[in-house]
Amino acid sequence: MGLREIKSEINKLNKEELIKHISELYKKYQPVKEYFDFYLNPDEKKLL
């Protein structure tokens, strides 16, 4: 599945479904957790 198909499927979801999926990814995958942690609180020193 490519990015175009993923975007198409994401556009079909409502806000609650998106929050559920993102929350699951955050809990399951460390790189996703690190991405969102940095997105919400950018600390370059801690990242390095």
Protein backbone atom coordinates (compact mmCIF):
# COMPACT_ATOMS: atom_id res chain seq x y z
CA MET A 1 0.00 0.00 0.00
CA GLY A 2 1.36 3.38 -0.91
CA LEU A 3 1.12 6.80 0.67
CA ARG A 4 -1.75 7.80 -1.64
CA GLU A 5 -3.87 4.87 -0.43
CA ILE A 6 -3.01 5.57 3.21
CA LYS A 7 -4.03 9.22 2.83
CA SER A 8 -7.28 8.16 1.18
CA GLU A 9 -8.13 5.83 4.05
CA ILE A 10 -7.16 8.40 6.69
CA ASN A 11 -9.47 10.95 5.08
CA LYS A 12 -12.37 8.55 5.68
CA LEU A 13 -11.79 8.45 9.45
CA ASN A 14 -13.41 10.74 11.97
CA LYS A 15 -11.50 12.54 14.73
CA GLU A 16 -12.12 9.87 17.38
CA GLU A 17 -10.88 7.10 15.08
CA LEU A 18 -7.74 9.09 14.26
CA ILE A 19 -7.04 9.68 17.95
CA LYS A 20 -7.48 5.96 18.64
CA HIS A 21 -5.06 4.95 15.87
CA ILE A 22 -2.44 7.52 16.83
CA SER A 23 -2.69 6.51 20.48
CA GLU A 24 -2.15 2.85 19.57
CA LEU A 25 0.89 3.72 17.46
CA TYR A 26 2.26 5.88 20.29
CA LYS A 27 1.96 3.01 22.78
CA LYS A 28 3.31 0.27 20.47
CA TYR A 29 6.23 1.88 18.64
CA GLN A 30 9.10 3.70 20.31
CA PRO A 31 10.00 5.79 17.21
CA VAL A 32 6.41 7.11 17.06
CA LYS A 33 6.56 7.96 20.77
CA GLU A 34 9.86 9.77 20.29
CA TYR A 35 8.48 11.68 17.29
CA PHE A 36 5.40 12.93 19.14
CA ASP A 37 7.35 13.67 22.32
CA PHE A 38 9.73 15.83 20.30
CA TYR A 39 6.85 17.37 18.30
CA LEU A 40 5.12 18.47 21.49
CA ASN A 41 8.25 19.50 23.36
CA PRO A 42 11.18 20.12 20.98
CA ASP A 43 14.40 19.75 22.97
CA GLU A 44 17.32 19.30 20.61
CA LYS A 45 19.81 18.79 23.46
CA LYS A 46 17.82 15.88 24.88
CA LEU A 47 17.41 14.35 21.42
CA LEU A 48 21.17 14.36 20.81
